[in-house]
Amino acid sequence: MWFHVGFLGVIGAFILYLLTESAFRDWINQSFTILGFYSSYFPSKRKILFNFLRGLLMGTKQKFPTLQEPRIILYSLIFYNTIVIWGIVFLKGLKNQVSEREKLFFLYSSTVLFGYLQVLHAYEIFRLQSSSSLGIGLLIFSLDNLSTKFKQWKVVVFYVPIICLVIYLSNTLVFARTSGVRNPWNKDLVFGNQLKEPENIEVLRGKFYDDRTRNYYQTLAKTINAYSCQFEYLVNFTYNSDVPLLSETFKTVQRCPFYDEKLSNAIFRDEQDKIAQLLAKEKAILVAHNTAQIPQNYQIIRELTVPPNIWFIHSITYVAVPSRLSSRCQF
């Protein structure tokens, strides 16, 4: 009884907090309604499970199914090792033969396996680098246990695989073509000093890009900032989450850094109304990826080709302002 009282008390306090902050409906939308939106972008459940198993068995990323990746292969090994440890302790637990130490291993391995739920729909590296990374400790533990069976060869059996693994993974440190999550740089660009930092963009400070990508961001930021004295708001109709951050001057009514019309209609209906009012009253500069998104009272003042290495599905970025202002500023 006390357990359930405590459990319901925590939930009740959380819901009460949401109600006092007028955030209960937003929580429902972002926790449950949004599931329907994202499910429409994925294939059937059978296909999702097939992609997940393929990633585990073959060590390939979902977006590049023909390319093997050192870190993906490592995470597959971690999964196999962890599931074996978890299964052994679980079977011992059924026979009431599990020690306190083994109980800790069971909890630890359960945490690691729980992390793989994050890649069930999309087997990608950056989704694995949370709780799943803890499995590296279990992998070393298993290797140490295995090496004890070789007696005088223990040091060789233990250290040689670790050294080989470090050398193998060092391939990602020089930006091999398949090692990047978003920008798979060619290592020739790195060693040829062809990657440079964009100028005067605070959010991209310390990030290095090739000439095309750097010029894209610099031109986009310069075009937007040229109208900072004319507008208070910036509306971003692209999937690029960096766009609202290219200028520190503009305000935004969008809670999500990228824009998707279906998502906005499902979760942020009040936001849609505010955006429509801003554009109707010509109080915002607009960045879009489709001319159909630009209202009739707006005119395109800049058209930019999106570099191929930027992870977006659209190839053109448009900057638009009200027609009455389109010729006032110089770039």
C-alpha atoms as a PDB file:
ATOM      1  CA  MET A   1       0.000   0.000   0.000  1.00  0.00           C
ATOM      2  CA  TRP A   2       2.734   2.454   0.960  1.00  0.00           C
ATOM      3  CA  PHE A   3       4.604   1.666  -2.239  1.00  0.00           C
ATOM      4  CA  HIS A   4       1.579   2.567  -4.349  1.00  0.00           C
ATOM      5  CA  VAL A   5       0.856   5.660  -2.281  1.00  0.00           C
ATOM      6  CA  GLY A   6       4.428   6.848  -2.852  1.00  0.00           C
ATOM      7  CA  PHE A   7       4.319   5.974  -6.553  1.00  0.00           C
ATOM      8  CA  LEU A   8       0.991   7.739  -7.131  1.00  0.00           C
ATOM      9  CA  GLY A   9       2.162  10.653  -4.993  1.00  0.00           C
ATOM     10  CA  VAL A  10       5.101  11.317  -7.332  1.00  0.00           C
ATOM     11  CA  ILE A  11       2.843  11.118 -10.387  1.00  0.00           C
ATOM     12  CA  GLY A  12       0.261  13.371  -8.702  1.00  0.00           C
ATOM     13  CA  ALA A  13       2.910  15.974  -7.835  1.00  0.00           C
ATOM     14  CA  PHE A  14       4.166  15.941 -11.429  1.00  0.00           C
ATOM     15  CA  ILE A  15       0.677  16.372 -12.894  1.00  0.00           C
ATOM     16  CA  LEU A  16      -0.095  19.122 -10.358  1.00  0.00           C
ATOM     17  CA  TYR A  17       3.067  20.946 -11.452  1.00  0.00           C
ATOM     18  CA  LEU A  18       2.033  20.670 -15.109  1.00  0.00           C
ATOM     19  CA  LEU A  19      -1.426  22.044 -14.295  1.00  0.00           C
ATOM     20  CA  THR A  20      -0.055  25.010 -12.325  1.00  0.00           C
ATOM     21  CA  GLU A  21       2.298  25.823 -15.234  1.00  0.00           C
ATOM     22  CA  SER A  22      -0.529  25.410 -17.798  1.00  0.00           C
ATOM     23  CA  ALA A  23       1.599  22.774 -19.507  1.00  0.00           C
ATOM     24  CA  PHE A  24      -0.567  19.660 -19.114  1.00  0.00           C
ATOM     25  CA  ARG A  25      -1.984  19.745 -22.647  1.00  0.00           C
ATOM     26  CA  ASP A  26       1.480  20.411 -24.085  1.00  0.00           C
ATOM     27  CA  TRP A  27       2.825  17.404 -22.160  1.00  0.00           C
ATOM     28  CA  ILE A  28       0.040  15.186 -23.540  1.00  0.00           C
ATOM     29  CA  ASN A  29       0.790  16.381 -27.067  1.00  0.00           C
ATOM     30  CA  GLN A  30       4.541  15.923 -26.859  1.00  0.00           C
ATOM     31  CA  SER A  31       4.380  12.597 -25.006  1.00  0.00           C
ATOM     32  CA  PHE A  32       1.526  10.855 -26.803  1.00  0.00           C
ATOM     33  CA  THR A  33       0.084  12.809 -29.756  1.00  0.00           C
ATOM     34  CA  ILE A  34       3.531  13.161 -31.286  1.00  0.00           C
ATOM     35  CA  LEU A  35       3.869   9.370 -31.559  1.00  0.00           C
ATOM     36  CA  GLY A  36       1.319   9.340 -34.353  1.00  0.00           C
ATOM     37  CA  PHE A  37       3.270  11.993 -36.227  1.00  0.00           C
ATOM     38  CA  TYR A  38       6.603  10.167 -36.096  1.00  0.00           C
ATOM     39  CA  SER A  39       5.097   6.741 -36.808  1.00  0.00           C
ATOM     40  CA  SER A  40       3.952   8.040 -40.210  1.00  0.00           C
ATOM     41  CA  TYR A  41       7.611   8.515 -41.227  1.00  0.00           C
ATOM     42  CA  PHE A  42       8.604   4.919 -40.533  1.00  0.00           C
ATOM     43  CA  PRO A  43       7.752   1.671 -42.320  1.00  0.00           C
ATOM     44  CA  SER A  44       5.817  -1.214 -40.792  1.00  0.00           C
ATOM     45  CA  LYS A  45       6.721  -2.670 -37.382  1.00  0.00           C
ATOM     46  CA  ARG A  46       8.119  -5.733 -39.126  1.00  0.00           C
ATOM     47  CA  LYS A  47      10.394  -3.548 -41.263  1.00  0.00           C
ATOM     48  CA  ILE A  48      11.568  -1.576 -38.203  1.00  0.00           C
ATOM     49  CA  LEU A  49      12.456  -4.809 -36.385  1.00  0.00           C
ATOM     50  CA  PHE A  50      14.229  -6.118 -39.504  1.00  0.00           C
ATOM     51  CA  ASN A  51      16.362  -2.929 -39.755  1.00  0.00           C
ATOM     52  CA  PHE A  52      17.240  -3.167 -36.069  1.00  0.00           C
ATOM     53  CA  LEU A  53      18.322  -6.815 -36.316  1.00  0.00           C
ATOM     54  CA  ARG A  54      20.296  -6.086 -39.492  1.00  0.00           C
ATOM     55  CA  GLY A  55      22.145  -3.315 -37.695  1.00  0.00           C
ATOM     56  CA  LEU A  56      23.020  -5.651 -34.816  1.00  0.00           C
ATOM     57  CA  LEU A  57      24.045  -8.602 -36.966  1.00  0.00           C
ATOM     58  CA  MET A  58      25.889  -6.796 -39.764  1.00  0.00           C
ATOM     59  CA  GLY A  59      27.173  -3.684 -37.990  1.00  0.00           C
ATOM     60  CA  THR A  60      25.665  -1.220 -40.463  1.00  0.00           C
ATOM     61  CA  LYS A  61      23.909   2.101 -40.000  1.00  0.00           C
ATOM     62  CA  GLN A  62      20.323   2.448 -41.148  1.00  0.00           C
ATOM     63  CA  LYS A  63      20.971   5.374 -43.512  1.00  0.00           C
ATOM     64  CA  PHE A  64      24.020   3.633 -45.042  1.00  0.00           C
ATOM     65  CA  PRO A  65      23.070  -0.079 -45.046  1.00  0.00           C
ATOM     66  CA  THR A  66      25.934  -1.064 -47.358  1.00  0.00           C
ATOM     67  CA  LEU A  67      28.698   0.590 -45.299  1.00  0.00           C
ATOM     68  CA  GLN A  68      30.116  -1.007 -42.169  1.00  0.00           C
ATOM     69  CA  GLU A  69      31.259   1.303 -39.398  1.00  0.00           C
ATOM     70  CA  PRO A  70      33.839   0.480 -36.694  1.00  0.00           C
ATOM     71  CA  ARG A  71      31.802   1.970 -33.852  1.00  0.00           C
ATOM     72  CA  ILE A  72      28.586   0.285 -34.984  1.00  0.00           C
ATOM     73  CA  ILE A  73      30.387  -3.089 -34.998  1.00  0.00           C
ATOM     74  CA  LEU A  74      31.665  -2.371 -31.477  1.00  0.00           C
ATOM     75  CA  TYR A  75      28.143  -1.670 -30.246  1.00  0.00           C
ATOM     76  CA  SER A  76      26.982  -4.949 -31.784  1.00  0.00           C
ATOM     77  CA  LEU A  77      29.689  -6.798 -29.829  1.00  0.00           C
ATOM     78  CA  ILE A  78      28.629  -4.948 -26.675  1.00  0.00           C
ATOM     79  CA  PHE A  79      25.027  -6.047 -27.221  1.00  0.00           C
ATOM     80  CA  TYR A  80      25.936  -9.725 -27.712  1.00  0.00           C
ATOM     81  CA  ASN A  81      28.209  -9.730 -24.661  1.00  0.00           C
ATOM     82  CA  THR A  82      25.654  -7.931 -22.481  1.00  0.00           C
ATOM     83  CA  ILE A  83      22.752 -10.190 -23.465  1.00  0.00           C
ATOM     84  CA  VAL A  84      24.859 -13.259 -22.558  1.00  0.00           C
ATOM     85  CA  ILE A  85      25.714 -11.831 -19.118  1.00  0.00           C
ATOM     86  CA  TRP A  86      22.095 -10.819 -18.543  1.00  0.00           C
ATOM     87  CA  GLY A  87      20.827 -14.262 -19.606  1.00  0.00           C
ATOM     88  CA  ILE A  88      23.277 -16.176 -17.396  1.00  0.00           C
ATOM     89  CA  VAL A  89      22.351 -14.175 -14.290  1.00  0.00           C
ATOM     90  CA  PHE A  90      18.634 -14.389 -15.140  1.00  0.00           C
ATOM     91  CA  LEU A  91      18.752 -18.191 -15.356  1.00  0.00           C
ATOM     92  CA  LYS A  92      20.647 -18.350 -12.055  1.00  0.00           C
ATOM     93  CA  GLY A  93      18.001 -16.126 -10.509  1.00  0.00           C
ATOM     94  CA  LEU A  94      15.265 -18.580 -11.509  1.00  0.00           C
ATOM     95  CA  LYS A  95      17.115 -21.231  -9.479  1.00  0.00           C
ATOM     96  CA  ASN A  96      17.739 -18.864  -6.544  1.00  0.00           C
ATOM     97  CA  GLN A  97      21.500 -19.278  -7.050  1.00  0.00           C
ATOM     98  CA  VAL A  98      22.402 -15.660  -7.749  1.00  0.00           C
ATOM     99  CA  SER A  99      24.870 -13.754  -5.552  1.00  0.00           C
ATOM    100  CA  GLU A 100      24.725 -10.080  -4.564  1.00  0.00           C
ATOM    101  CA  ARG A 101      27.550  -9.351  -7.000  1.00  0.00           C
ATOM    102  CA  GLU A 102      25.656 -11.034  -9.814  1.00  0.00           C
ATOM    103  CA  LYS A 103      22.543  -9.019  -8.954  1.00  0.00           C
ATOM    104  CA  LEU A 104      24.554  -5.852  -9.543  1.00  0.00           C
ATOM    105  CA  PHE A 105      25.721  -7.220 -12.896  1.00  0.00           C
ATOM    106  CA  PHE A 106      22.100  -7.985 -13.784  1.00  0.00           C
ATOM    107  CA  LEU A 107      21.024  -4.394 -13.032  1.00  0.00           C
ATOM    108  CA  TYR A 108      24.029  -2.987 -14.872  1.00  0.00           C
ATOM    109  CA  SER A 109      23.461  -5.120 -17.973  1.00  0.00           C
ATOM    110  CA  SER A 110      19.738  -4.288 -17.911  1.00  0.00           C
ATOM    111  CA  THR A 111      20.625  -0.593 -18.044  1.00  0.00           C
ATOM    112  CA  VAL A 112      22.893  -1.206 -21.044  1.00  0.00           C
ATOM    113  CA  LEU A 113      20.244  -3.220 -22.893  1.00  0.00           C
ATOM    114  CA  PHE A 114      17.608  -0.604 -22.109  1.00  0.00           C
ATOM    115  CA  GLY A 115      19.736   1.915 -24.020  1.00  0.00           C
ATOM    116  CA  TYR A 116      19.283  -0.080 -27.228  1.00  0.00           C
ATOM    117  CA  LEU A 117      15.588   0.833 -27.237  1.00  0.00           C
ATOM    118  CA  GLN A 118      16.731   4.251 -28.487  1.00  0.00           C
ATOM    119  CA  VAL A 119      17.899   2.685 -31.760  1.00  0.00           C
ATOM    120  CA  LEU A 120      14.971   0.341 -32.306  1.00  0.00           C
ATOM    121  CA  HIS A 121      13.534   2.690 -34.946  1.00  0.00           C
ATOM    122  CA  ALA A 122      16.834   4.010 -36.327  1.00  0.00           C
ATOM    123  CA  TYR A 123      20.128   2.186 -35.743  1.00  0.00           C
ATOM    124  CA  GLU A 124      22.535   5.134 -35.480  1.00  0.00           C
ATOM    125  CA  ILE A 125      25.700   5.821 -33.487  1.00  0.00           C
ATOM    126  CA  PHE A 126      24.649   9.007 -31.733  1.00  0.00           C
ATOM    127  CA  ARG A 127      21.570   7.232 -30.319  1.00  0.00           C
ATOM    128  CA  LEU A 128      23.770   4.532 -28.779  1.00  0.00           C
ATOM    129  CA  GLN A 129      26.205   6.798 -26.973  1.00  0.00           C
ATOM    130  CA  SER A 130      24.239   7.024 -23.727  1.00  0.00           C
ATOM    131  CA  SER A 131      23.522   4.013 -21.539  1.00  0.00           C
ATOM    132  CA  SER A 132      24.678   1.593 -24.239  1.00  0.00           C
ATOM    133  CA  SER A 133      28.228   2.938 -23.899  1.00  0.00           C
ATOM    134  CA  LEU A 134      28.325   1.507 -20.378  1.00  0.00           C
ATOM    135  CA  GLY A 135      28.554  -1.911 -22.004  1.00  0.00           C
ATOM    136  CA  ILE A 136      32.213  -1.259 -22.864  1.00  0.00           C
ATOM    137  CA  GLY A 137      32.964  -2.007 -19.198  1.00  0.00           C
ATOM    138  CA  LEU A 138      31.145  -5.336 -19.439  1.00  0.00           C
ATOM    139  CA  LEU A 139      33.046  -6.163 -22.637  1.00  0.00           C
ATOM    140  CA  ILE A 140      36.391  -5.579 -20.896  1.00  0.00           C
ATOM    141  CA  PHE A 141      35.183  -7.611 -17.906  1.00  0.00           C
ATOM    142  CA  SER A 142      34.299 -10.563 -20.156  1.00  0.00           C
ATOM    143  CA  LEU A 143      37.634 -10.306 -21.962  1.00  0.00           C
ATOM    144  CA  ASP A 144      39.464 -10.342 -18.611  1.00  0.00           C
ATOM    145  CA  ASN A 145      37.546 -13.441 -17.514  1.00  0.00           C
ATOM    146  CA  LEU A 146      38.303 -15.146 -20.808  1.00  0.00           C
ATOM    147  CA  SER A 147      42.013 -14.333 -20.605  1.00  0.00           C
ATOM    148  CA  THR A 148      42.353 -16.053 -17.185  1.00  0.00           C
ATOM    149  CA  LYS A 149      41.817 -19.391 -18.907  1.00  0.00           C
ATOM    150  CA  PHE A 150      45.035 -18.957 -20.892  1.00  0.00           C
ATOM    151  CA  LYS A 151      47.285 -18.744 -17.799  1.00  0.00           C
ATOM    152  CA  GLN A 152      50.747 -17.596 -18.964  1.00  0.00           C
ATOM    153  CA  TRP A 153      49.199 -16.104 -22.118  1.00  0.00           C
ATOM    154  CA  LYS A 154      46.715 -14.057 -20.095  1.00  0.00           C
ATOM    155  CA  VAL A 155      48.450 -10.712 -20.683  1.00  0.00           C
ATOM    156  CA  VAL A 156      48.639 -11.298 -24.426  1.00  0.00           C
ATOM    157  CA  VAL A 157      45.032 -12.448 -24.723  1.00  0.00           C
ATOM    158  CA  PHE A 158      43.806  -9.468 -22.691  1.00  0.00           C
ATOM    159  CA  TYR A 159      45.875  -6.598 -24.064  1.00  0.00           C
ATOM    160  CA  VAL A 160      46.243  -7.539 -27.742  1.00  0.00           C
ATOM    161  CA  PRO A 161      42.467  -7.318 -28.497  1.00  0.00           C
ATOM    162  CA  ILE A 162      42.251  -3.992 -26.645  1.00  0.00           C
ATOM    163  CA  ILE A 163      45.200  -2.547 -28.575  1.00  0.00           C
ATOM    164  CA  CYS A 164      43.741  -3.794 -31.857  1.00  0.00           C
ATOM    165  CA  LEU A 165      40.378  -2.264 -30.952  1.00  0.00           C
ATOM    166  CA  VAL A 166      41.979   1.113 -30.190  1.00  0.00           C
ATOM    167  CA  ILE A 167      43.837   1.049 -33.511  1.00  0.00           C
ATOM    168  CA  TYR A 168      40.657   0.010 -35.300  1.00  0.00           C
ATOM    169  CA  LEU A 169      38.610   2.794 -33.730  1.00  0.00           C
ATOM    170  CA  SER A 170      41.354   5.361 -34.369  1.00  0.00           C
ATOM    171  CA  ASN A 171      40.179   5.257 -37.972  1.00  0.00           C
ATOM    172  CA  THR A 172      37.226   7.396 -36.844  1.00  0.00           C
ATOM    173  CA  LEU A 173      39.544   9.982 -35.265  1.00  0.00           C
ATOM    174  CA  VAL A 174      40.819  11.002 -38.697  1.00  0.00           C
ATOM    175  CA  PHE A 175      37.283  11.487 -39.989  1.00  0.00           C
ATOM    176  CA  ALA A 176      36.972   8.470 -42.253  1.00  0.00           C
ATOM    177  CA  ARG A 177      34.237   8.872 -44.796  1.00  0.00           C
ATOM    178  CA  THR A 178      31.647   6.850 -42.901  1.00  0.00           C
ATOM    179  CA  SER A 179      32.491   7.950 -39.367  1.00  0.00           C
ATOM    180  CA  GLY A 180      30.493  11.164 -39.092  1.00  0.00           C
ATOM    181  CA  VAL A 181      26.958  11.259 -37.756  1.00  0.00           C
ATOM    182  CA  ARG A 182      25.820  14.259 -39.779  1.00  0.00           C
ATOM    183  CA  ASN A 183      28.811  15.389 -41.822  1.00  0.00           C
ATOM    184  CA  PRO A 184      30.904  12.426 -43.067  1.00  0.00           C
ATOM    185  CA  TRP A 185      34.035  14.420 -43.933  1.00  0.00           C
ATOM    186  CA  ASN A 186      36.685  13.053 -46.240  1.00  0.00           C
ATOM    187  CA  LYS A 187      39.947  12.862 -44.254  1.00  0.00           C
ATOM    188  CA  ASP A 188      41.784  14.482 -47.186  1.00  0.00           C
ATOM    189  CA  LEU A 189      39.925  17.706 -46.362  1.00  0.00           C
ATOM    190  CA  VAL A 190      41.108  17.515 -42.760  1.00  0.00           C
ATOM    191  CA  PHE A 191      44.788  16.994 -43.470  1.00  0.00           C
ATOM    192  CA  GLY A 192      44.707  19.422 -46.382  1.00  0.00           C
ATOM    193  CA  ASN A 193      43.545  22.245 -44.059  1.00  0.00           C
ATOM    194  CA  GLN A 194      40.489  22.751 -46.255  1.00  0.00           C
ATOM    195  CA  LEU A 195      38.074  22.893 -43.311  1.00  0.00           C
ATOM    196  CA  LYS A 196      37.632  26.314 -41.736  1.00  0.00           C
ATOM    197  CA  GLU A 197      35.414  27.993 -39.170  1.00  0.00           C
ATOM    198  CA  PRO A 198      32.575  30.263 -40.404  1.00  0.00           C
ATOM    199  CA  GLU A 199      33.147  33.945 -39.657  1.00  0.00           C
ATOM    200  CA  ASN A 200      31.055  35.969 -37.203  1.00  0.00           C
ATOM    201  CA  ILE A 201      28.559  33.207 -36.388  1.00  0.00           C
ATOM    202  CA  GLU A 202      28.595  32.570 -32.664  1.00  0.00           C
ATOM    203  CA  VAL A 203      26.611  29.311 -32.726  1.00  0.00           C
ATOM    204  CA  LEU A 204      29.074  27.764 -35.230  1.00  0.00           C
ATOM    205  CA  ARG A 205      32.221  28.876 -33.422  1.00  0.00           C
ATOM    206  CA  GLY A 206      34.683  25.991 -33.212  1.00  0.00           C
ATOM    207  CA  LYS A 207      32.942  24.047 -35.988  1.00  0.00           C
ATOM    208  CA  PHE A 208      34.835  23.459 -39.230  1.00  0.00           C
ATOM    209  CA  TYR A 209      33.307  23.155 -42.693  1.00  0.00           C
ATOM    210  CA  ASP A 210      34.403  22.946 -46.302  1.00  0.00           C
ATOM    211  CA  ASP A 211      34.218  26.067 -48.486  1.00  0.00           C
ATOM    212  CA  ARG A 212      30.718  25.421 -49.858  1.00  0.00           C
ATOM    213  CA  THR A 213      29.154  24.776 -46.460  1.00  0.00           C
ATOM    214  CA  ARG A 214      30.969  27.672 -44.806  1.00  0.00           C
ATOM    215  CA  ASN A 215      29.923  30.106 -47.557  1.00  0.00           C
ATOM    216  CA  TYR A 216      26.347  28.835 -47.335  1.00  0.00           C
ATOM    217  CA  TYR A 217      26.090  29.626 -43.624  1.00  0.00           C
ATOM    218  CA  GLN A 218      27.971  32.920 -43.899  1.00  0.00           C
ATOM    219  CA  THR A 219      25.782  34.158 -46.763  1.00  0.00           C
ATOM    220  CA  LEU A 220      22.601  33.039 -45.025  1.00  0.00           C
ATOM    221  CA  ALA A 221      23.604  34.740 -41.771  1.00  0.00           C
ATOM    222  CA  LYS A 222      24.637  37.948 -43.566  1.00  0.00           C
ATOM    223  CA  THR A 223      21.355  38.101 -45.499  1.00  0.00           C
ATOM    224  CA  ILE A 224      19.262  37.569 -42.363  1.00  0.00           C
ATOM    225  CA  ASN A 225      21.207  40.083 -40.273  1.00  0.00           C
ATOM    226  CA  ALA A 226      20.872  42.731 -42.982  1.00  0.00           C
ATOM    227  CA  TYR A 227      17.195  42.986 -41.979  1.00  0.00           C
ATOM    228  CA  SER A 228      17.695  42.916 -38.218  1.00  0.00           C
ATOM    229  CA  CYS A 229      16.710  46.585 -38.030  1.00  0.00           C
ATOM    230  CA  GLN A 230      13.444  45.946 -39.884  1.00  0.00           C
ATOM    231  CA  PHE A 231      12.016  42.908 -38.103  1.00  0.00           C
ATOM    232  CA  GLU A 232      11.681  41.603 -34.568  1.00  0.00           C
ATOM    233  CA  TYR A 233      10.885  37.988 -35.505  1.00  0.00           C
ATOM    234  CA  LEU A 234      12.351  35.268 -37.692  1.00  0.00           C
ATOM    235  CA  VAL A 235      10.209  32.412 -39.025  1.00  0.00           C
ATOM    236  CA  ASN A 236      12.069  29.251 -40.014  1.00  0.00           C
ATOM    237  CA  PHE A 237      10.196  26.953 -42.415  1.00  0.00           C
ATOM    238  CA  THR A 238      13.229  24.687 -43.040  1.00  0.00           C
ATOM    239  CA  TYR A 239      14.481  21.517 -41.354  1.00  0.00           C
ATOM    240  CA  ASN A 240      17.752  23.255 -40.491  1.00  0.00           C
ATOM    241  CA  SER A 241      17.785  23.812 -36.718  1.00  0.00           C
ATOM    242  CA  ASP A 242      20.765  26.178 -37.017  1.00  0.00           C
ATOM    243  CA  VAL A 243      18.801  28.842 -38.924  1.00  0.00           C
ATOM    244  CA  PRO A 244      17.114  30.490 -35.879  1.00  0.00           C
ATOM    245  CA  LEU A 245      20.527  30.645 -34.171  1.00  0.00           C
ATOM    246  CA  LEU A 246      22.439  32.359 -36.987  1.00  0.00           C
ATOM    247  CA  SER A 247      21.395  35.718 -35.571  1.00  0.00           C
ATOM    248  CA  GLU A 248      21.158  36.789 -31.937  1.00  0.00           C
ATOM    249  CA  THR A 249      18.836  39.668 -32.814  1.00  0.00           C
ATOM    250  CA  PHE A 250      15.595  38.028 -33.879  1.00  0.00           C
ATOM    251  CA  LYS A 251      12.919  36.521 -31.675  1.00  0.00           C
ATOM    252  CA  THR A 252      11.037  33.389 -32.688  1.00  0.00           C
ATOM    253  CA  VAL A 253       7.554  32.084 -31.921  1.00  0.00           C
ATOM    254  CA  GLN A 254       8.535  28.537 -32.843  1.00  0.00           C
ATOM    255  CA  ARG A 255       9.191  26.138 -29.987  1.00  0.00           C
ATOM    256  CA  CYS A 256      10.749  23.522 -32.254  1.00  0.00           C
ATOM    257  CA  PRO A 257      14.040  24.639 -33.892  1.00  0.00           C
ATOM    258  CA  PHE A 258      13.110  22.970 -37.177  1.00  0.00           C
ATOM    259  CA  TYR A 259       9.775  23.116 -38.991  1.00  0.00           C
ATOM    260  CA  ASP A 260       7.427  20.418 -40.179  1.00  0.00           C
ATOM    261  CA  GLU A 261       3.878  21.403 -41.088  1.00  0.00           C
ATOM    262  CA  LYS A 262       2.356  18.100 -39.957  1.00  0.00           C
ATOM    263  CA  LEU A 263       4.164  18.288 -36.614  1.00  0.00           C
ATOM    264  CA  SER A 264       3.194  21.895 -36.090  1.00  0.00           C
ATOM    265  CA  ASN A 265      -0.469  21.185 -36.861  1.00  0.00           C
ATOM    266  CA  ALA A 266      -0.501  18.202 -34.497  1.00  0.00           C
ATOM    267  CA  ILE A 267       1.386  19.680 -31.550  1.00  0.00           C
ATOM    268  CA  PHE A 268       1.700  23.455 -31.896  1.00  0.00           C
ATOM    269  CA  ARG A 269      -1.653  24.653 -33.276  1.00  0.00           C
ATOM    270  CA  ASP A 270      -1.482  28.006 -31.468  1.00  0.00           C
ATOM    271  CA  GLU A 271       1.984  28.485 -32.938  1.00  0.00           C
ATOM    272  CA  GLN A 272       0.618  28.171 -36.466  1.00  0.00           C
ATOM    273  CA  ASP A 273      -1.841  31.004 -35.796  1.00  0.00           C
ATOM    274  CA  LYS A 274       0.917  33.264 -34.448  1.00  0.00           C
ATOM    275  CA  ILE A 275       3.120  32.594 -37.484  1.00  0.00           C
ATOM    276  CA  ALA A 276       0.243  33.345 -39.849  1.00  0.00           C
ATOM    277  CA  GLN A 277      -0.412  36.651 -38.039  1.00  0.00           C
ATOM    278  CA  LEU A 278       3.256  37.672 -38.174  1.00  0.00           C
ATOM    279  CA  LEU A 279       3.458  37.002 -41.910  1.00  0.00           C
ATOM    280  CA  ALA A 280       0.124  38.694 -42.619  1.00  0.00           C
ATOM    281  CA  LYS A 281       1.239  41.799 -40.706  1.00  0.00           C
ATOM    282  CA  GLU A 282       4.716  41.598 -42.328  1.00  0.00           C
ATOM    283  CA  LYS A 283       6.526  41.530 -38.988  1.00  0.00           C
ATOM    284  CA  ALA A 284       8.948  38.659 -39.645  1.00  0.00           C
ATOM    285  CA  ILE A 285      11.712  37.662 -42.027  1.00  0.00           C
ATOM    286  CA  LEU A 286      11.095  34.225 -43.540  1.00  0.00           C
ATOM    287  CA  VAL A 287      13.480  31.374 -44.344  1.00  0.00           C
ATOM    288  CA  ALA A 288      11.915  28.528 -46.329  1.00  0.00           C
ATOM    289  CA  HIS A 289      12.810  25.521 -48.472  1.00  0.00           C
ATOM    290  CA  ASN A 290       9.800  25.712 -50.784  1.00  0.00           C
ATOM    291  CA  THR A 291       8.341  28.624 -52.730  1.00  0.00           C
ATOM    292  CA  ALA A 292       4.850  27.376 -51.824  1.00  0.00           C
ATOM    293  CA  GLN A 293       5.586  28.325 -48.214  1.00  0.00           C
ATOM    294  CA  ILE A 294       6.173  31.980 -49.134  1.00  0.00           C
ATOM    295  CA  PRO A 295       3.006  34.168 -48.919  1.00  0.00           C
ATOM    296  CA  GLN A 296       2.006  36.467 -51.773  1.00  0.00           C
ATOM    297  CA  ASN A 297       2.935  39.612 -49.874  1.00  0.00           C
ATOM    298  CA  TYR A 298       6.534  38.362 -49.536  1.00  0.00           C
ATOM    299  CA  GLN A 299       9.323  38.357 -52.101  1.00  0.00           C
ATOM    300  CA  ILE A 300      12.447  36.196 -52.323  1.00  0.00           C
ATOM    301  CA  ILE A 301      15.616  38.230 -51.800  1.00  0.00           C
ATOM    302  CA  ARG A 302      18.104  35.368 -51.603  1.00  0.00           C
ATOM    303  CA  GLU A 303      18.204  31.843 -53.021  1.00  0.00           C
ATOM    304  CA  LEU A 304      20.912  29.500 -51.733  1.00  0.00           C
ATOM    305  CA  THR A 305      21.864  25.984 -52.828  1.00  0.00           C
ATOM    306  CA  VAL A 306      22.207  23.693 -49.823  1.00  0.00           C
ATOM    307  CA  PRO A 307      25.608  21.904 -49.834  1.00  0.00           C
ATOM    308  CA  PRO A 308      25.269  18.138 -50.310  1.00  0.00           C
ATOM    309  CA  ASN A 309      26.955  17.265 -47.016  1.00  0.00           C
ATOM    310  CA  ILE A 310      24.290  19.040 -44.929  1.00  0.00           C
ATOM    311  CA  TRP A 311      21.786  16.482 -43.724  1.00  0.00           C
ATOM    312  CA  PHE A 312      18.568  17.849 -45.199  1.00  0.00           C
ATOM    313  CA  ILE A 313      16.206  16.561 -47.843  1.00  0.00           C
ATOM    314  CA  HIS A 314      15.719  19.891 -49.612  1.00  0.00           C
ATOM    315  CA  SER A 315      18.325  21.408 -51.926  1.00  0.00           C
ATOM    316  CA  ILE A 316      17.312  25.096 -51.937  1.00  0.00           C
ATOM    317  CA  THR A 317      16.986  27.652 -49.140  1.00  0.00           C
ATOM    318  CA  TYR A 318      14.960  30.817 -49.754  1.00  0.00           C
ATOM    319  CA  VAL A 319      15.082  34.018 -47.728  1.00  0.00           C
ATOM    320  CA  ALA A 320      12.000  36.225 -48.170  1.00  0.00           C
ATOM    321  CA  VAL A 321      10.819  39.571 -46.811  1.00  0.00           C
ATOM    322  CA  PRO A 322       7.749  41.731 -47.491  1.00  0.00           C
ATOM    323  CA  SER A 323       7.759  43.052 -51.051  1.00  0.00           C
ATOM    324  CA  ARG A 324       7.833  46.651 -49.838  1.00  0.00           C
ATOM    325  CA  LEU A 325      11.251  46.041 -48.216  1.00  0.00           C
ATOM    326  CA  SER A 326      12.847  43.685 -50.701  1.00  0.00           C
ATOM    327  CA  SER A 327      15.084  46.289 -52.362  1.00  0.00           C
ATOM    328  CA  ARG A 328      16.074  48.433 -49.379  1.00  0.00           C
ATOM    329  CA  CYS A 329      19.035  46.541 -48.002  1.00  0.00           C
ATOM    330  CA  GLN A 330      22.384  45.877 -49.595  1.00  0.00           C
ATOM    331  CA  PHE A 331      24.337  42.653 -49.036  1.00  0.00           C
END
